[in-house]
PDB file of all heavy atoms in Angstrom:
ATOM      1  N   SER A   1      99.333  91.976 112.811  1.00  0.00           N
ATOM      2  CA  SER A   1     100.254  92.195 114.004  1.00  0.00           C
ATOM      3  C   SER A   1     101.513  91.437 113.769  1.00  0.00           C
ATOM      4  O   SER A   1     101.547  90.344 113.236  1.00  0.00           O
ATOM      5  CB  SER A   1      99.565  91.782 115.305  1.00  0.00           C
ATOM      6  OG  SER A   1      98.364  92.410 115.524  1.00  0.00           O
ATOM      7  N   LEU A   2     102.668  92.037 114.265  1.00  0.00           N
ATOM      8  CA  LEU A   2     103.870  91.332 114.370  1.00  0.00           C
ATOM      9  C   LEU A   2     103.941  90.654 115.774  1.00  0.00           C
ATOM     10  O   LEU A   2     103.524  91.208 116.715  1.00  0.00           O
ATOM     11  CB  LEU A   2     105.049  92.337 114.242  1.00  0.00           C
ATOM     12  CG  LEU A   2     105.694  92.534 112.882  1.00  0.00           C
ATOM     13  CD1 LEU A   2     106.724  93.745 112.933  1.00  0.00           C
ATOM     14  CD2 LEU A   2     106.474  91.228 112.514  1.00  0.00           C
ATOM     15  N   THR A   3     104.497  89.494 115.782  1.00  0.00           N
ATOM     16  CA  THR A   3     104.417  88.713 117.033  1.00  0.00           C
ATOM     17  C   THR A   3     105.374  89.235 118.120  1.00  0.00           C
ATOM     18  O   THR A   3     105.262  88.950 119.309  1.00  0.00           O
ATOM     19  CB  THR A   3     104.793  87.271 116.839  1.00  0.00           C
ATOM     20  OG1 THR A   3     106.087  87.183 116.139  1.00  0.00           O
ATOM     21  CG2 THR A   3     103.736  86.573 115.916  1.00  0.00           C
ATOM     22  N   GLU A   4     106.338  90.109 117.753  1.00  0.00           N
ATOM     23  CA  GLU A   4     107.263  90.684 118.741  1.00  0.00           C
ATOM     24  C   GLU A   4     107.317  92.134 118.629  1.00  0.00           C
ATOM     25  O   GLU A   4     107.143  92.726 117.519  1.00  0.00           O
ATOM     26  CB  GLU A   4     108.697  90.112 118.511  1.00  0.00           C
ATOM     27  CG  GLU A   4     108.829  88.622 118.547  1.00  0.00           C
ATOM     28  CD  GLU A   4     108.566  88.013 119.962  1.00  0.00           C
ATOM     29  OE1 GLU A   4     108.744  88.812 120.922  1.00  0.00           O
ATOM     30  OE2 GLU A   4     108.219  86.822 120.023  1.00  0.00           O
ATOM     31  N   LYS A   5     107.537  92.922 119.744  1.00  0.00           N
ATOM     32  CA  LYS A   5     107.655  94.332 119.697  1.00  0.00           C
ATOM     33  C   LYS A   5     109.087  94.733 119.130  1.00  0.00           C
ATOM     34  O   LYS A   5     110.052  94.002 119.349  1.00  0.00           O
ATOM     35  CB  LYS A   5     107.464  94.912 121.061  1.00  0.00           C
ATOM     36  CG  LYS A   5     105.993  94.804 121.548  1.00  0.00           C
ATOM     37  CD  LYS A   5     105.809  95.503 122.944  1.00  0.00           C
ATOM     38  CE  LYS A   5     104.369  95.451 123.367  1.00  0.00           C
ATOM     39  NZ  LYS A   5     103.445  96.184 122.422  1.00  0.00           N
ATOM     40  N   GLY A   6     109.183  95.934 118.617  1.00  0.00           N
ATOM     41  CA  GLY A   6     110.393  96.416 118.167  1.00  0.00           C
ATOM     42  C   GLY A   6     110.639  96.510 116.691  1.00  0.00           C
ATOM     43  O   GLY A   6     111.634  97.004 116.229  1.00  0.00           O
ATOM     44  N   TRP A   7     109.595  96.164 115.917  1.00  0.00           N
ATOM     45  CA  TRP A   7     109.636  96.200 114.447  1.00  0.00           C
ATOM     46  C   TRP A   7     110.707  95.351 113.720  1.00  0.00           C
ATOM     47  O   TRP A   7     111.083  95.724 112.604  1.00  0.00           O
ATOM     48  CB  TRP A   7     109.775  97.709 114.002  1.00  0.00           C
ATOM     49  CG  TRP A   7     108.763  98.673 114.601  1.00  0.00           C
ATOM     50  CD1 TRP A   7     108.987  99.676 115.416  1.00  0.00           C
ATOM     51  CD2 TRP A   7     107.337  98.633 114.443  1.00  0.00           C
ATOM     52  NE1 TRP A   7     107.827 100.264 115.787  1.00  0.00           N
ATOM     53  CE2 TRP A   7     106.828  99.670 115.134  1.00  0.00           C
ATOM     54  CE3 TRP A   7     106.475  97.889 113.670  1.00  0.00           C
ATOM     55  CZ2 TRP A   7     105.416  99.980 115.234  1.00  0.00           C
ATOM     56  CZ3 TRP A   7     105.146  98.125 113.724  1.00  0.00           C
ATOM     57  CH2 TRP A   7     104.616  99.193 114.471  1.00  0.00           C
ATOM     58  N   ALA A   8     111.158  94.299 114.334  1.00  0.00           N
ATOM     59  CA  ALA A   8     112.150  93.488 113.677  1.00  0.00           C
ATOM     60  C   ALA A   8     111.506  92.826 112.489  1.00  0.00           C
ATOM     61  O   ALA A   8     110.402  92.363 112.518  1.00  0.00           O
ATOM     62  CB  ALA A   8     112.630  92.420 114.697  1.00  0.00           C
ATOM     63  N   HIS A   9     112.250  92.809 111.333  1.00  0.00           N
ATOM     64  CA  HIS A   9     111.776  92.210 110.102  1.00  0.00           C
ATOM     65  C   HIS A   9     110.461  92.817 109.651  1.00  0.00           C
ATOM     66  O   HIS A   9     109.631  92.088 109.040  1.00  0.00           O
ATOM     67  CB  HIS A   9     111.682  90.663 110.289  1.00  0.00           C
ATOM     68  CG  HIS A   9     112.995  90.021 110.795  1.00  0.00           C
ATOM     69  ND1 HIS A   9     114.123  90.038 110.061  1.00  0.00           N
ATOM     70  CD2 HIS A   9     113.201  89.478 111.991  1.00  0.00           C
ATOM     71  CE1 HIS A   9     115.063  89.454 110.731  1.00  0.00           C
ATOM     72  NE2 HIS A   9     114.541  89.113 111.964  1.00  0.00           N
ATOM     73  N   LEU A  10     110.295  94.117 109.856  1.00  0.00           N
ATOM     74  CA  LEU A  10     108.973  94.738 109.423  1.00  0.00           C
ATOM     75  C   LEU A  10     108.818  94.606 107.963  1.00  0.00           C
ATOM     76  O   LEU A  10     107.662  94.367 107.479  1.00  0.00           O
ATOM     77  CB  LEU A  10     108.985  96.167 109.898  1.00  0.00           C
ATOM     78  CG  LEU A  10     107.747  97.041 109.476  1.00  0.00           C
ATOM     79  CD1 LEU A  10     106.524  96.408 109.976  1.00  0.00           C
ATOM     80  CD2 LEU A  10     107.930  98.500 109.892  1.00  0.00           C
ATOM     81  N   ASP A  11     109.791  94.847 107.168  1.00  0.00           N
ATOM     82  CA  ASP A  11     109.718  94.832 105.710  1.00  0.00           C
ATOM     83  C   ASP A  11     109.168  93.476 105.230  1.00  0.00           C
ATOM     84  O   ASP A  11     108.392  93.333 104.309  1.00  0.00           O
ATOM     85  CB  ASP A  11     111.039  95.125 105.027  1.00  0.00           C
ATOM     86  CG  ASP A  11     111.434  96.611 105.183  1.00  0.00           C
ATOM     87  OD1 ASP A  11     110.525  97.454 105.497  1.00  0.00           O
ATOM     88  OD2 ASP A  11     112.544  96.932 104.969  1.00  0.00           O
ATOM     89  N   ASP A  12     109.717  92.393 105.846  1.00  0.00           N
ATOM     90  CA  ASP A  12     109.239  91.037 105.456  1.00  0.00           C
ATOM     91  C   ASP A  12     107.801  90.866 105.924  1.00  0.00           C
ATOM     92  O   ASP A  12     106.983  90.255 105.110  1.00  0.00           O
ATOM     93  CB  ASP A  12     110.103  89.963 106.184  1.00  0.00           C
ATOM     94  CG  ASP A  12     111.568  89.990 105.701  1.00  0.00           C
ATOM     95  OD1 ASP A  12     111.764  90.178 104.482  1.00  0.00           O
ATOM     96  OD2 ASP A  12     112.468  89.904 106.557  1.00  0.00           O
ATOM     97  N   ALA A  13     107.390  91.301 107.011  1.00  0.00           N
ATOM     98  CA  ALA A  13     105.980  91.181 107.472  1.00  0.00           C
ATOM     99  C   ALA A  13     105.057  91.991 106.564  1.00  0.00           C
ATOM    100  O   ALA A  13     103.946  91.548 106.248  1.00  0.00           O
ATOM    101  CB  ALA A  13     105.871  91.745 108.921  1.00  0.00           C
ATOM    102  N   VAL A  14     105.416  93.183 106.197  1.00  0.00           N
ATOM    103  CA  VAL A  14     104.716  94.001 105.269  1.00  0.00           C
ATOM    104  C   VAL A  14     104.511  93.267 103.955  1.00  0.00           C
ATOM    105  O   VAL A  14     103.405  93.329 103.341  1.00  0.00           O
ATOM    106  CB  VAL A  14     105.378  95.354 105.082  1.00  0.00           C
ATOM    107  CG1 VAL A  14     104.745  96.149 103.880  1.00  0.00           C
ATOM    108  CG2 VAL A  14     105.193  96.271 106.343  1.00  0.00           C
ATOM    109  N   ALA A  15     105.551  92.701 103.376  1.00  0.00           N
ATOM    110  CA  ALA A  15     105.422  92.009 102.119  1.00  0.00           C
ATOM    111  C   ALA A  15     104.400  90.846 102.246  1.00  0.00           C
ATOM    112  O   ALA A  15     103.625  90.597 101.324  1.00  0.00           O
ATOM    113  CB  ALA A  15     106.784  91.444 101.707  1.00  0.00           C
ATOM    114  N   LEU A  16     104.432  90.094 103.309  1.00  0.00           N
ATOM    115  CA  LEU A  16     103.530  89.036 103.552  1.00  0.00           C
ATOM    116  C   LEU A  16     102.030  89.580 103.701  1.00  0.00           C
ATOM    117  O   LEU A  16     101.107  88.927 103.188  1.00  0.00           O
ATOM    118  CB  LEU A  16     103.917  88.211 104.761  1.00  0.00           C
ATOM    119  CG  LEU A  16     105.141  87.326 104.598  1.00  0.00           C
ATOM    120  CD1 LEU A  16     105.714  86.922 105.974  1.00  0.00           C
ATOM    121  CD2 LEU A  16     104.870  86.145 103.686  1.00  0.00           C
ATOM    122  N   ALA A  17     101.907  90.618 104.453  1.00  0.00           N
ATOM    123  CA  ALA A  17     100.597  91.249 104.568  1.00  0.00           C
ATOM    124  C   ALA A  17     100.050  91.639 103.247  1.00  0.00           C
ATOM    125  O   ALA A  17      98.854  91.487 102.966  1.00  0.00           O
ATOM    126  CB  ALA A  17     100.661  92.384 105.571  1.00  0.00           C
ATOM    127  N   ALA A  18     100.858  92.359 102.503  1.00  0.00           N
ATOM    128  CA  ALA A  18     100.393  92.805 101.186  1.00  0.00           C
ATOM    129  C   ALA A  18     100.043  91.621 100.284  1.00  0.00           C
ATOM    130  O   ALA A  18      99.125  91.650  99.477  1.00  0.00           O
ATOM    131  CB  ALA A  18     101.483  93.661 100.488  1.00  0.00           C
ATOM    132  N   GLN A  19     100.833  90.523 100.376  1.00  0.00           N
ATOM    133  CA  GLN A  19     100.542  89.315  99.586  1.00  0.00           C
ATOM    134  C   GLN A  19      99.220  88.794  99.915  1.00  0.00           C
ATOM    135  O   GLN A  19      98.432  88.382  98.994  1.00  0.00           O
ATOM    136  CB  GLN A  19     101.583  88.253  99.870  1.00  0.00           C
ATOM    137  CG  GLN A  19     101.381  87.012  99.147  1.00  0.00           C
ATOM    138  CD  GLN A  19     102.376  85.909  99.516  1.00  0.00           C
ATOM    139  OE1 GLN A  19     103.480  86.238 100.070  1.00  0.00           O
ATOM    140  NE2 GLN A  19     102.124  84.659  99.253  1.00  0.00           N
ATOM    141  N   LEU A  20      98.909  88.758 101.223  1.00  0.00           N
ATOM    142  CA  LEU A  20      97.567  88.235 101.633  1.00  0.00           C
ATOM    143  C   LEU A  20      96.410  89.125 101.152  1.00  0.00           C
ATOM    144  O   LEU A  20      95.396  88.656 100.657  1.00  0.00           O
ATOM    145  CB  LEU A  20      97.506  88.131 103.175  1.00  0.00           C
ATOM    146  CG  LEU A  20      96.222  87.632 103.779  1.00  0.00           C
ATOM    147  CD1 LEU A  20      95.851  86.273 103.198  1.00  0.00           C
ATOM    148  CD2 LEU A  20      96.279  87.596 105.310  1.00  0.00           C
ATOM    149  N   VAL A  21      96.604  90.450 101.298  1.00  0.00           N
ATOM    150  CA  VAL A  21      95.568  91.394 100.833  1.00  0.00           C
ATOM    151  C   VAL A  21      95.329  91.250  99.348  1.00  0.00           C
ATOM    152  O   VAL A  21      94.190  91.165  98.874  1.00  0.00           O
ATOM    153  CB  VAL A  21      95.923  92.860 101.271  1.00  0.00           C
ATOM    154  CG1 VAL A  21      94.821  93.806 100.616  1.00  0.00           C
ATOM    155  CG2 VAL A  21      95.880  93.022 102.739  1.00  0.00           C
ATOM    156  N   ARG A  22      96.433  91.186  98.571  1.00  0.00           N
ATOM    157  CA  ARG A  22      96.293  91.079  97.139  1.00  0.00           C
ATOM    158  C   ARG A  22      95.601  89.770  96.802  1.00  0.00           C
ATOM    159  O   ARG A  22      94.722  89.721  95.880  1.00  0.00           O
ATOM    160  CB  ARG A  22      97.672  91.096  96.517  1.00  0.00           C
ATOM    161  CG  ARG A  22      97.605  91.179  94.968  1.00  0.00           C
ATOM    162  CD  ARG A  22      98.985  90.929  94.363  1.00  0.00           C
ATOM    163  NE  ARG A  22      99.921  92.041  94.611  1.00  0.00           N
ATOM    164  CZ  ARG A  22     100.080  93.055  93.737  1.00  0.00           C
ATOM    165  NH1 ARG A  22      99.351  93.053  92.628  1.00  0.00           N
ATOM    166  NH2 ARG A  22     100.921  93.956  93.976  1.00  0.00           N
ATOM    167  N   SER A  23      95.886  88.720  97.493  1.00  0.00           N
ATOM    168  CA  SER A  23      95.196  87.390  97.143  1.00  0.00           C
ATOM    169  C   SER A  23      93.795  87.423  97.473  1.00  0.00           C
ATOM    170  O   SER A  23      92.949  86.677  96.906  1.00  0.00           O
ATOM    171  CB  SER A  23      95.908  86.256  97.930  1.00  0.00           C
ATOM    172  OG  SER A  23      95.606  86.342  99.287  1.00  0.00           O
ATOM    173  N   LEU A  24      93.336  88.293  98.456  1.00  0.00           N
ATOM    174  CA  LEU A  24      91.928  88.409  98.858  1.00  0.00           C
ATOM    175  C   LEU A  24      91.160  89.355  97.967  1.00  0.00           C
ATOM    176  O   LEU A  24      89.900  89.524  98.138  1.00  0.00           O
ATOM    177  CB  LEU A  24      91.844  88.731 100.328  1.00  0.00           C
ATOM    178  CG  LEU A  24      92.293  87.702 101.317  1.00  0.00           C
ATOM    179  CD1 LEU A  24      92.350  88.253 102.707  1.00  0.00           C
ATOM    180  CD2 LEU A  24      91.354  86.418 101.306  1.00  0.00           C
TER     181      LEU A  24
END
């Protein structure tokens, strides 16, 4: 989940999510 509504900085959040999934 993103902490705020509106999709601000979605690309950065996606990169972090993918980084976590890849590490797991």
